[in-house]
């Protein structure tokens, strides 16, 4: 299988969101604009080719109702209409899920079976995820609003790749023999940490499912995962696949039955943050917590974990990533890449290049071309072929984005294009570009999480380094330059967890991801993520 970054490049090279400029070709050749798309948004939305099968909680290997019997609606962001009613988990349901996970860890076979057996089950699950690519992609797009082509051709293949990657790690986790003073034999053991509580966000539900679940299972842990209340459907469907039974054919046509996950190993609770999320974060029988979401919520999660049983916490939080276009840049390529860095996934990306710093010598040209590119962006029903941008996740996020746009105008930034809703139904926002943005403006300081590009001007490297680092965030950054010395200077100076040079949002299962400062703590993906789910035990023999 090709790497995740290769798959992204292949897909985007066929669209107007290519990492490298294609001279305005691709989807742009259709002649669509944000204005011609508005009429299309009034059409009846496409009916997804998938049935919603799972709306209950998954506890102990079985789908069950919430003890309260309560449900909540999950909405189609294209229209605001109800897709399905999903079980609303509360603290008592979290208690049930944690008890099932504790029993599976203390008494069940999962942590005790050979690492090779765990690997085979994870590989089988990856095969099933791949087999059900289209159903998973349809649920992801229906519940979230992202383009179906993005879900089906980028994100589900990345999901599969991640689980195959972690399956490969399962039988390669081991301790060390340590030389020590005196007549001793010393060894370390790397053991699963226990019951892992995991809380995932709504912007990339299935990818965050993989980032959390993959390393935890590879290390032999059991899990209670809380989905985002906006997007519960795809994770429930994926978790069901992990429990299916399959078979592997050996030589001479001898079939061997391969079970899915033992019951209680992977539990999924849908519900809201202040109830189910808080109960999971503060639970005394959860040994480890992992959270992806906003920085403000991350603070609450960390406090709840500390006030309960001082469980270790991994946090992947917000960002306000600088994208720096240097004086020597090919402006056409820089415009295309900066556009992708910001507008990908409707701008709902924690590492979005949301502060576009452009050298003063190319600033005016860049602004004009960035405006033109935004005007050509195709917004519409995400199930239609060729759509680049779907609706925002819900009315709350929609209104928040429009509030920031009004703030930008009021603070004196120049609104080059966009700035309003698109169509009369659903949560669509016009691709928006601001120029003459200053560092002190809210649109340059706070995480908008929407399709709003802020373009700032700089004079030299020392200045842009100081300004780029002058933020509470430190998740990622982009650098666009032809000069290797400039690239090296910036990559070393920027206080962020990831720097992309002449690319952006290129991910791979093996590459760690996480932030500096208030963008989080710990790393996800790659070998580094395994440490989040292991305890180290020292053993000394005389």
Protein backbone atom coordinates (compact mmCIF):
# COMPACT_ATOMS: atom_id res chain seq x y z
CA UNK A 1 0.00 0.00 0.00
CA UNK A 2 1.23 3.49 -0.84
CA UNK A 3 2.01 5.82 2.04
CA UNK A 4 -0.69 8.17 3.31
CA UNK A 5 1.15 11.21 1.97
CA UNK A 6 1.43 9.57 -1.46
CA UNK A 7 -2.30 8.84 -1.53
CA UNK A 8 -3.12 12.44 -0.59
CA UNK A 9 -0.88 13.75 -3.34
CA UNK A 10 -2.40 11.40 -5.90
CA UNK A 11 -5.94 12.41 -5.09
CA UNK A 12 -5.27 16.11 -4.79
CA UNK A 13 -3.26 16.15 -7.99
CA UNK A 14 -6.56 15.27 -9.69
CA UNK A 15 -8.30 18.18 -7.99
CA UNK A 16 -7.86 21.88 -7.62
CA UNK A 17 -6.44 21.32 -4.14
CA UNK A 18 -3.18 19.89 -5.52
CA UNK A 19 -0.11 20.29 -3.35
CA UNK A 20 1.63 21.67 -6.41
CA UNK A 21 0.05 24.18 -8.77
CA UNK A 22 -1.45 22.79 -11.97
CA UNK A 23 -1.95 26.15 -13.60
CA UNK A 24 -5.57 26.43 -12.50
CA UNK A 25 -6.60 23.18 -14.14
CA UNK A 26 -8.32 20.20 -12.50
CA UNK A 27 -11.76 20.89 -11.07
CA UNK A 28 -11.32 24.59 -11.81
CA UNK A 29 -11.70 23.85 -15.49
CA UNK A 30 -15.44 23.32 -14.97
CA UNK A 31 -15.91 27.04 -14.53
CA UNK A 32 -17.67 26.76 -11.16
CA UNK A 33 -17.38 29.57 -8.66
CA UNK A 34 -18.73 30.10 -5.17
CA UNK A 35 -21.61 32.05 -6.77
CA UNK A 36 -22.66 29.38 -9.27
CA UNK A 37 -22.44 26.80 -6.49
CA UNK A 38 -24.98 28.67 -4.32
CA UNK A 39 -27.80 27.73 -6.69
CA UNK A 40 -26.76 24.07 -6.60
CA UNK A 41 -27.02 24.10 -2.79
CA UNK A 42 -30.77 24.67 -3.07
CA UNK A 43 -31.17 21.31 -4.83
CA UNK A 44 -32.33 18.22 -2.95
CA UNK A 45 -29.30 16.66 -1.24
CA UNK A 46 -28.00 13.34 -2.53
CA UNK A 47 -29.18 10.34 -0.51
CA UNK A 48 -26.14 8.43 0.82
CA UNK A 49 -25.82 4.80 -0.29
CA UNK A 50 -25.52 3.45 3.25
CA UNK A 51 -27.86 2.43 6.05
CA UNK A 52 -27.37 3.55 9.66
CA UNK A 53 -27.14 0.20 11.44
CA UNK A 54 -25.58 0.99 14.81
CA UNK A 55 -26.86 3.71 17.12
CA UNK A 56 -26.47 2.00 20.51
CA UNK A 57 -23.54 1.90 22.91
CA UNK A 58 -21.00 -0.88 22.39
CA UNK A 59 -20.23 -2.39 25.80
CA UNK A 60 -18.78 -5.82 26.49
CA UNK A 61 -18.95 -6.79 22.83
CA UNK A 62 -22.70 -6.07 22.54
CA UNK A 63 -24.75 -3.13 21.35
CA UNK A 64 -26.96 -1.91 24.20
CA UNK A 65 -29.19 1.05 25.01
CA UNK A 66 -28.16 3.69 27.50
CA UNK A 67 -29.42 2.81 30.97
CA UNK A 68 -31.49 6.01 30.99
CA UNK A 69 -33.04 5.10 27.65
CA UNK A 70 -32.13 8.57 26.38
CA UNK A 71 -31.03 9.27 22.82
CA UNK A 72 -29.84 12.38 20.99
CA UNK A 73 -30.06 13.33 17.31
CA UNK A 74 -27.04 13.34 15.02
CA UNK A 75 -27.55 15.84 12.19
CA UNK A 76 -26.80 16.08 8.49
CA UNK A 77 -24.74 19.29 8.18
CA UNK A 78 -25.97 19.74 4.61
CA UNK A 79 -29.48 20.45 5.86
CA UNK A 80 -29.53 20.42 9.66
CA UNK A 81 -31.96 17.50 9.51
CA UNK A 82 -31.78 14.40 11.72
CA UNK A 83 -29.89 11.40 10.36
CA UNK A 84 -30.55 9.13 13.34
CA UNK A 85 -31.09 9.11 17.09
CA UNK A 86 -28.11 7.73 18.99
CA UNK A 87 -27.89 6.35 22.52
CA UNK A 88 -26.88 9.08 24.98
CA UNK A 89 -24.37 7.65 27.40
CA UNK A 90 -24.04 9.05 30.93
CA UNK A 91 -21.82 8.32 33.91
CA UNK A 92 -23.58 5.03 34.68
CA UNK A 93 -22.95 3.85 31.12
CA UNK A 94 -19.30 4.85 31.39
CA UNK A 95 -19.18 2.79 34.61
CA UNK A 96 -20.53 -0.22 32.69
CA UNK A 97 -18.03 0.26 29.87
CA UNK A 98 -15.06 0.69 32.23
CA UNK A 99 -16.12 -2.41 34.18
CA UNK A 100 -16.25 -4.41 30.94
CA UNK A 101 -12.82 -3.11 29.93
CA UNK A 102 -11.37 -3.85 33.39
CA UNK A 103 -12.71 -7.40 33.33
CA UNK A 104 -11.32 -7.92 29.82
CA UNK A 105 -7.92 -6.66 30.94
CA UNK A 106 -7.69 -8.45 34.30
CA UNK A 107 -9.40 -11.72 33.38
CA UNK A 108 -9.67 -11.84 29.60
CA UNK A 109 -7.29 -13.24 26.98
CA UNK A 110 -6.32 -10.01 25.19
CA UNK A 111 -3.29 -8.85 27.23
CA UNK A 112 -2.22 -12.44 27.88
CA UNK A 113 -2.33 -13.84 24.35
CA UNK A 114 0.83 -13.85 22.27
CA UNK A 115 1.67 -10.64 20.47
CA UNK A 116 1.50 -12.56 17.21
CA UNK A 117 -2.14 -13.49 17.91
CA UNK A 118 -3.00 -9.85 18.62
CA UNK A 119 -1.28 -8.87 15.39
CA UNK A 120 -3.39 -11.30 13.37
CA UNK A 121 -6.63 -9.94 14.84
CA UNK A 122 -5.60 -6.36 14.07
CA UNK A 123 -4.66 -7.30 10.51
CA UNK A 124 -8.02 -9.02 10.10
CA UNK A 125 -9.76 -5.85 11.35
CA UNK A 126 -7.79 -3.75 8.86
CA UNK A 127 -8.91 -6.05 6.05
CA UNK A 128 -12.54 -5.60 7.12
CA UNK A 129 -12.17 -1.83 7.28
CA UNK A 130 -10.77 -1.91 3.76
CA UNK A 131 -13.59 -4.15 2.56
CA UNK A 132 -16.17 -1.71 3.94
CA UNK A 133 -14.41 1.39 2.59
CA UNK A 134 -17.47 2.78 0.84
CA UNK A 135 -19.87 2.35 3.77
CA UNK A 136 -17.43 3.92 6.22
CA UNK A 137 -16.74 6.82 3.83
CA UNK A 138 -20.45 7.44 3.31
CA UNK A 139 -21.14 7.52 7.06
CA UNK A 140 -18.17 9.82 7.64
CA UNK A 141 -19.33 12.29 4.99
CA UNK A 142 -23.01 12.11 5.97
CA UNK A 143 -22.32 12.80 9.65
CA UNK A 144 -19.43 15.24 9.17
CA UNK A 145 -19.95 17.05 5.84
CA UNK A 146 -16.49 16.51 4.35
CA UNK A 147 -16.29 15.62 0.63
CA UNK A 148 -17.00 11.96 -0.04
CA UNK A 149 -13.98 11.71 -2.34
CA UNK A 150 -11.80 12.86 0.57
CA UNK A 151 -13.35 10.26 2.87
CA UNK A 152 -13.23 7.38 0.40
CA UNK A 153 -9.91 8.04 -1.33
CA UNK A 154 -7.82 9.59 1.44
CA UNK A 155 -9.13 8.99 4.93
CA UNK A 156 -10.39 5.40 4.88
CA UNK A 157 -7.18 4.16 3.16
CA UNK A 158 -5.22 6.05 5.84
CA UNK A 159 -7.37 4.40 8.52
CA UNK A 160 -6.52 0.97 7.11
CA UNK A 161 -2.83 1.85 6.81
CA UNK A 162 -2.68 2.95 10.42
CA UNK A 163 -4.12 -0.31 11.75
CA UNK A 164 -1.78 -2.38 9.59
CA UNK A 165 1.11 -0.27 10.86
CA UNK A 166 0.19 -0.88 14.50
CA UNK A 167 -0.47 -4.55 13.84
CA UNK A 168 3.14 -4.70 12.69
CA UNK A 169 4.29 -3.26 16.01
CA UNK A 170 2.36 -5.74 18.16
CA UNK A 171 5.08 -8.43 18.20
CA UNK A 172 8.01 -5.99 18.30
CA UNK A 173 7.36 -4.46 21.70
CA UNK A 174 9.93 -5.67 24.23
CA UNK A 175 12.10 -4.57 27.09
CA UNK A 176 15.86 -4.55 27.47
CA UNK A 177 18.67 -6.28 29.33
CA UNK A 178 20.47 -3.58 31.30
CA UNK A 179 24.10 -3.74 32.52
CA UNK A 180 24.30 -2.78 36.18
CA UNK A 181 26.95 -2.50 38.88
CA UNK A 182 27.33 -5.62 41.02
CA UNK A 183 26.42 -9.27 40.48
CA UNK A 184 22.96 -8.69 39.10
CA UNK A 185 20.94 -9.61 36.06
CA UNK A 186 18.67 -6.66 35.24
CA UNK A 187 15.91 -6.53 32.66
CA UNK A 188 13.05 -4.20 31.86
CA UNK A 189 9.55 -5.29 30.88
CA UNK A 190 7.24 -3.16 28.72
CA UNK A 191 3.72 -3.98 29.88
CA UNK A 192 0.28 -2.68 28.81
CA UNK A 193 -0.90 0.14 31.02
CA UNK A 194 -4.43 -1.23 31.52
CA UNK A 195 -7.77 0.41 30.73
CA UNK A 196 -7.37 3.35 28.34
CA UNK A 197 -10.01 6.07 28.17
CA UNK A 198 -10.06 7.84 24.81
CA UNK A 199 -12.02 10.90 23.68
CA UNK A 200 -12.02 11.72 19.96
CA UNK A 201 -13.13 14.86 18.05
CA UNK A 202 -15.59 15.45 15.23
CA UNK A 203 -13.33 16.81 12.49
CA UNK A 204 -11.59 13.50 11.62
CA UNK A 205 -13.64 10.86 13.49
CA UNK A 206 -12.20 7.71 11.89
CA UNK A 207 -8.60 8.87 11.67
CA UNK A 208 -8.66 9.88 15.33
CA UNK A 209 -10.25 6.50 16.10
CA UNK A 210 -7.18 4.88 14.51
CA UNK A 211 -4.66 7.22 16.15
CA UNK A 212 -6.08 6.28 19.56
CA UNK A 213 -7.24 2.68 19.21
CA UNK A 214 -4.34 1.36 17.11
CA UNK A 215 -1.43 1.79 19.54
CA UNK A 216 -3.55 0.96 22.59
CA UNK A 217 -4.60 -2.42 21.15
CA UNK A 218 -1.15 -3.22 19.77
CA UNK A 219 0.25 -2.85 23.30
CA UNK A 220 -2.39 -5.16 24.80
CA UNK A 221 -4.66 -2.62 26.51
CA UNK A 222 -8.43 -2.47 26.70
CA UNK A 223 -10.37 0.65 25.74
CA UNK A 224 -13.37 2.82 26.49
CA UNK A 225 -13.73 5.33 23.67
CA UNK A 226 -16.11 8.28 23.68
CA UNK A 227 -17.14 9.60 20.29
CA UNK A 228 -17.87 13.25 19.56
CA UNK A 229 -21.59 13.95 19.92
CA UNK A 230 -21.64 15.47 16.42
CA UNK A 231 -20.19 12.39 14.67
CA UNK A 232 -20.87 9.07 16.44
CA UNK A 233 -21.88 6.91 13.46
CA UNK A 234 -18.64 5.93 11.71
CA UNK A 235 -16.77 4.91 14.87
CA UNK A 236 -19.65 2.66 15.95
CA UNK A 237 -19.64 0.99 12.55
CA UNK A 238 -15.84 0.54 12.59
CA UNK A 239 -15.87 -0.86 16.13
CA UNK A 240 -18.47 -3.43 15.07
CA UNK A 241 -16.10 -4.68 12.36
CA UNK A 242 -13.42 -5.36 15.00
CA UNK A 243 -15.73 -7.94 16.57
CA UNK A 244 -16.51 -9.90 13.42
CA UNK A 245 -15.26 -13.44 12.94
CA UNK A 246 -13.25 -14.35 9.86
CA UNK A 247 -10.84 -16.98 8.68
CA UNK A 248 -7.36 -17.33 7.24
CA UNK A 249 -6.56 -19.96 4.64
CA UNK A 250 -3.37 -21.91 5.21
CA UNK A 251 -1.65 -24.33 2.82
CA UNK A 252 -3.59 -27.36 1.58
CA UNK A 253 -6.83 -25.35 1.88
CA UNK A 254 -6.93 -25.80 5.65
CA UNK A 255 -9.12 -23.03 7.09
CA UNK A 256 -8.45 -21.65 10.55
CA UNK A 257 -11.15 -19.67 12.35
CA UNK A 258 -9.94 -16.26 13.50
CA UNK A 259 -12.08 -14.55 16.12
CA UNK A 260 -12.53 -10.82 16.39
CA UNK A 261 -11.69 -8.83 19.49
CA UNK A 262 -12.65 -10.53 22.76
CA UNK A 263 -15.66 -8.90 24.38
CA UNK A 264 -14.89 -5.91 26.54
CA UNK A 265 -11.60 -5.05 24.81
CA UNK A 266 -13.06 -2.18 22.73
CA UNK A 267 -16.06 -0.33 24.16
CA UNK A 268 -17.66 2.73 22.54
CA UNK A 269 -19.86 5.23 24.38
CA UNK A 270 -21.61 8.04 22.52
CA UNK A 271 -22.64 11.07 24.51
CA UNK A 272 -21.75 14.60 25.52
CA UNK A 273 -18.58 16.02 27.00
CA UNK A 274 -19.90 17.37 30.32
CA UNK A 275 -21.55 14.01 31.10
CA UNK A 276 -19.95 10.99 29.41
CA UNK A 277 -16.62 12.71 28.70
CA UNK A 278 -16.23 14.07 32.22
CA UNK A 279 -17.17 10.69 33.71
CA UNK A 280 -14.48 8.97 31.65
CA UNK A 281 -11.80 11.57 32.42
CA UNK A 282 -12.45 11.40 36.16
CA UNK A 283 -13.03 7.65 36.45
CA UNK A 284 -10.96 6.02 39.19
CA UNK A 285 -10.57 2.74 37.30
CA UNK A 286 -9.25 4.22 34.05
CA UNK A 287 -5.45 3.89 33.90
CA UNK A 288 -4.68 6.18 30.98
CA UNK A 289 -6.50 8.99 29.16
CA UNK A 290 -6.04 10.33 25.62
CA UNK A 291 -7.91 13.37 24.34
CA UNK A 292 -8.05 15.28 21.06
CA UNK A 293 -9.97 18.56 20.98
CA UNK A 294 -9.77 22.22 21.87
CA UNK A 295 -7.16 23.61 24.24
CA UNK A 296 -9.77 24.90 26.68
CA UNK A 297 -11.46 21.51 26.93
CA UNK A 298 -8.05 19.87 27.20
CA UNK A 299 -7.40 21.86 30.37
CA UNK A 300 -10.61 20.55 31.89
CA UNK A 301 -9.77 16.97 30.93
CA UNK A 302 -6.31 17.27 32.45
CA UNK A 303 -7.71 18.67 35.69
CA UNK A 304 -10.32 15.90 35.96
CA UNK A 305 -7.65 13.26 35.42
CA UNK A 306 -5.40 14.81 38.05
CA UNK A 307 -8.16 15.21 40.63
CA UNK A 308 -9.22 11.58 40.29
CA UNK A 309 -6.46 8.98 40.21
CA UNK A 310 -3.65 11.06 38.64
CA UNK A 311 -3.89 9.03 35.44
CA UNK A 312 -1.38 9.99 32.70
CA UNK A 313 -2.91 12.06 29.90
CA UNK A 314 -2.01 12.52 26.25
CA UNK A 315 -3.40 15.71 24.72
CA UNK A 316 -3.57 16.74 21.05
CA UNK A 317 -5.08 20.21 21.11
CA UNK A 318 -5.60 23.35 19.08
CA UNK A 319 -3.31 25.28 16.78
CA UNK A 320 -2.81 28.53 14.91
CA UNK A 321 -0.17 27.36 12.49
CA UNK A 322 1.96 29.82 10.50
CA UNK A 323 2.45 29.24 6.79
CA UNK A 324 5.49 31.25 5.70
CA UNK A 325 5.91 32.24 2.04
CA UNK A 326 9.46 33.45 1.50
CA UNK A 327 10.75 36.05 -0.95
CA UNK A 328 12.10 33.45 -3.41
CA UNK A 329 8.79 31.55 -3.66
CA UNK A 330 7.11 30.56 -6.88
CA UNK A 331 3.96 32.54 -6.14
CA UNK A 332 1.57 30.33 -8.11
CA UNK A 333 2.72 27.22 -6.28
CA UNK A 334 2.74 29.02 -2.94
CA UNK A 335 -0.83 30.23 -3.44
CA UNK A 336 -2.04 26.73 -4.24
CA UNK A 337 -0.30 25.15 -1.27
CA UNK A 338 -1.37 27.89 1.15
CA UNK A 339 -4.94 27.49 -0.10
CA UNK A 340 -4.83 23.77 0.61
CA UNK A 341 -3.14 24.32 3.99
CA UNK A 342 -6.05 26.47 5.15
CA UNK A 343 -9.18 25.27 3.34
CA UNK A 344 -8.67 21.49 3.55
CA UNK A 345 -11.51 19.80 5.45
CA UNK A 346 -13.54 23.06 5.39
CA UNK A 347 -10.75 24.65 7.45
CA UNK A 348 -11.69 22.33 10.34
CA UNK A 349 -8.18 21.07 10.95
CA UNK A 350 -6.17 21.62 14.13
CA UNK A 351 -2.97 22.16 12.16
CA UNK A 352 -4.48 24.35 9.41
CA UNK A 353 -2.10 26.99 8.05
CA UNK A 354 -4.30 29.75 9.40
CA UNK A 355 -1.70 32.52 9.60
CA UNK A 356 -0.35 33.01 6.08
CA UNK A 357 2.82 35.13 6.36
CA UNK A 358 3.97 36.45 2.96
CA UNK A 359 7.16 38.38 2.23
CA UNK A 360 6.50 42.02 1.36
CA UNK A 361 8.14 41.71 -2.09
CA UNK A 362 5.55 39.17 -3.28
CA UNK A 363 2.67 40.12 -0.98
CA UNK A 364 0.43 42.02 -3.41
CA UNK A 365 0.74 39.39 -6.14
CA UNK A 366 0.06 36.64 -3.61
CA UNK A 367 -3.08 38.35 -2.26
CA UNK A 368 -4.60 38.82 -5.73
CA UNK A 369 -3.96 35.20 -6.68
CA UNK A 370 -5.16 33.88 -3.31
CA UNK A 371 -8.41 35.82 -3.80
CA UNK A 372 -8.82 34.41 -7.31
CA UNK A 373 -8.18 30.87 -6.07
CA UNK A 374 -10.77 31.20 -3.29
CA UNK A 375 -13.35 32.50 -5.77
CA UNK A 376 -12.89 29.35 -7.86
CA UNK A 377 -13.24 26.95 -4.93
CA UNK A 378 -16.16 24.56 -5.50
CA UNK A 379 -18.53 24.38 -2.53
CA UNK A 380 -21.52 22.06 -2.50
CA UNK A 381 -23.11 18.78 -1.53
CA UNK A 382 -20.10 16.68 -0.42
CA UNK A 383 -21.54 13.58 -2.09
CA UNK A 384 -21.19 15.21 -5.52
CA UNK A 385 -18.08 14.46 -7.58
CA UNK A 386 -15.60 17.31 -7.79
CA UNK A 387 -16.71 19.14 -4.64
CA UNK A 388 -13.82 20.68 -2.72
CA UNK A 389 -15.70 22.04 0.28
CA UNK A 390 -18.78 20.80 2.10
CA UNK A 391 -20.68 22.35 5.00
CA UNK A 392 -19.27 23.13 8.43
CA UNK A 393 -20.04 20.57 11.13
CA UNK A 394 -23.02 22.24 12.84
CA UNK A 395 -24.80 25.50 13.57
CA UNK A 396 -22.54 26.33 16.54
CA UNK A 397 -19.37 26.13 14.47
CA UNK A 398 -21.09 27.89 11.57
CA UNK A 399 -22.05 30.86 13.75
CA UNK A 400 -18.62 30.94 15.38
CA UNK A 401 -16.92 31.26 11.98
CA UNK A 402 -19.24 34.07 10.89
CA UNK A 403 -18.57 35.86 14.19
CA UNK A 404 -14.81 35.75 13.52
CA UNK A 405 -15.37 37.05 10.00
CA UNK A 406 -17.32 40.02 11.38
CA UNK A 407 -14.51 40.58 13.87
CA UNK A 408 -11.97 40.69 11.06
CA UNK A 409 -13.94 43.34 9.22
CA UNK A 410 -14.50 45.40 12.37
CA UNK A 411 -10.81 45.28 13.31
CA UNK A 412 -9.74 46.77 9.97
CA UNK A 413 -8.58 43.79 7.93
CA UNK A 414 -9.44 43.91 4.22
CA UNK A 415 -12.11 41.40 3.22
CA UNK A 416 -10.94 40.33 -0.23
CA UNK A 417 -13.67 37.78 -0.88
CA UNK A 418 -16.31 35.71 0.90
CA UNK A 419 -17.48 36.65 4.34
CA UNK A 420 -20.97 35.20 4.48
CA UNK A 421 -23.01 32.01 4.41
CA UNK A 422 -23.54 30.18 1.13
CA UNK A 423 -27.06 29.09 0.26
CA UNK A 424 -30.08 29.23 2.54
CA UNK A 425 -29.93 25.81 4.20
CA UNK A 426 -27.25 23.79 5.90
CA UNK A 427 -24.01 25.15 7.31
CA UNK A 428 -22.08 26.28 4.23
CA UNK A 429 -19.65 29.21 4.49
CA UNK A 430 -18.15 31.12 1.58
CA UNK A 431 -14.38 30.64 1.16
CA UNK A 432 -13.09 33.81 2.79
CA UNK A 433 -9.79 35.69 2.37
CA UNK A 434 -8.55 38.62 4.47
CA UNK A 435 -5.49 40.76 3.64
CA UNK A 436 -3.78 43.47 5.69
CA UNK A 437 -4.19 41.33 8.79
CA UNK A 438 -2.27 42.37 11.91
CA UNK A 439 -0.99 40.02 14.61
CA UNK A 440 -3.19 41.54 17.31
CA UNK A 441 -6.47 40.86 15.50
CA UNK A 442 -8.63 38.00 16.76
CA UNK A 443 -8.59 36.33 13.33
CA UNK A 444 -4.78 36.13 13.63
CA UNK A 445 -4.71 35.00 17.26
CA UNK A 446 -7.56 32.59 17.82
CA UNK A 447 -8.41 29.24 16.24
CA UNK A 448 -11.29 29.89 13.82
CA UNK A 449 -11.63 26.30 12.57
CA UNK A 450 -13.21 27.36 9.31
CA UNK A 451 -12.56 28.44 5.70
CA UNK A 452 -11.04 31.84 6.57
CA UNK A 453 -7.56 32.70 5.26
CA UNK A 454 -5.68 35.54 6.98
CA UNK A 455 -2.73 36.94 4.99
CA UNK A 456 -0.06 38.90 6.89
CA UNK A 457 3.02 40.74 5.55
CA UNK A 458 6.62 40.37 6.79
CA UNK A 459 10.01 41.89 5.92
CA UNK A 460 12.72 39.42 6.99
CA UNK A 461 13.32 36.05 8.65
CA UNK A 462 14.10 37.35 12.13
CA UNK A 463 10.82 39.26 12.15
CA UNK A 464 8.66 36.39 10.90
CA UNK A 465 10.25 33.90 13.32
CA UNK A 466 9.45 36.14 16.27
CA UNK A 467 5.88 36.76 15.09
CA UNK A 468 5.20 33.13 14.17
CA UNK A 469 6.32 31.99 17.62
CA UNK A 470 4.33 34.68 19.44
CA UNK A 471 1.32 32.48 20.14
CA UNK A 472 0.14 30.14 22.85
CA UNK A 473 -0.01 27.35 20.24
CA UNK A 474 2.76 25.24 18.75
CA UNK A 475 1.22 22.45 16.71
CA UNK A 476 2.59 22.87 13.18
CA UNK A 477 4.02 25.25 10.58
CA UNK A 478 4.56 25.42 6.84
CA UNK A 479 7.56 26.88 5.02
CA UNK A 480 7.65 27.65 1.29
CA UNK A 481 11.10 28.46 -0.10
CA UNK A 482 13.66 27.32 -2.67
CA UNK A 483 16.59 28.07 -0.35
CA UNK A 484 17.76 25.15 1.82
CA UNK A 485 19.51 27.53 4.25
CA UNK A 486 16.28 29.45 4.74
CA UNK A 487 14.38 26.20 5.21
CA UNK A 488 16.88 24.95 7.81
CA UNK A 489 16.82 28.25 9.69
CA UNK A 490 13.04 28.24 9.93
CA UNK A 491 12.62 24.56 10.80
CA UNK A 492 15.02 24.94 13.72
CA UNK A 493 13.61 28.26 14.93
CA UNK A 494 9.88 27.55 14.84
CA UNK A 495 8.56 26.18 18.16
CA UNK A 496 6.13 23.62 16.79
CA UNK A 497 5.77 19.85 16.70
CA UNK A 498 5.70 19.52 12.88
CA UNK A 499 7.23 21.65 10.12
CA UNK A 500 6.24 21.00 6.52
CA UNK A 501 8.68 22.38 3.94
CA UNK A 502 7.19 22.94 0.45
CA UNK A 503 4.28 20.64 1.38
CA UNK A 504 1.51 20.62 3.96
CA UNK A 505 -0.75 18.12 5.71
CA UNK A 506 1.31 15.17 4.46
CA UNK A 507 0.81 12.47 7.07
CA UNK A 508 2.19 8.97 7.48
CA UNK A 509 1.52 6.26 10.04
CA UNK A 510 5.17 6.24 11.11
CA UNK A 511 5.59 10.01 11.59
CA UNK A 512 4.81 11.33 15.09
CA UNK A 513 2.37 14.21 15.54
CA UNK A 514 1.83 16.50 18.48
CA UNK A 515 2.42 20.02 19.69
CA UNK A 516 4.55 22.38 21.72
CA UNK A 517 3.16 24.76 24.34
CA UNK A 518 -0.65 24.72 24.63
CA UNK A 519 -1.12 22.54 21.58
CA UNK A 520 -0.81 19.48 23.77
CA UNK A 521 1.49 16.98 25.38
CA UNK A 522 2.79 13.66 24.13
CA UNK A 523 2.92 12.37 20.56
CA UNK A 524 0.54 10.32 18.46
CA UNK A 525 1.36 7.99 15.58
CA UNK A 526 4.66 6.27 14.96
CA UNK A 527 6.79 4.46 17.51
CA UNK A 528 6.48 7.39 19.91
CA UNK A 529 2.75 6.74 20.42
CA UNK A 530 3.40 3.27 21.86
CA UNK A 531 5.00 4.82 24.94
CA UNK A 532 1.63 6.33 25.83
CA UNK A 533 0.18 2.85 26.40
CA UNK A 534 3.05 1.02 28.12
CA UNK A 535 4.40 0.78 31.65
CA UNK A 536 8.09 0.07 32.21
CA UNK A 537 8.93 -2.43 34.95
CA UNK A 538 12.49 -3.01 36.14
CA UNK A 539 13.39 -6.54 37.34
CA UNK A 540 16.67 -7.28 39.14
CA UNK A 541 17.95 -10.80 39.87
CA UNK A 542 20.79 -11.72 42.23
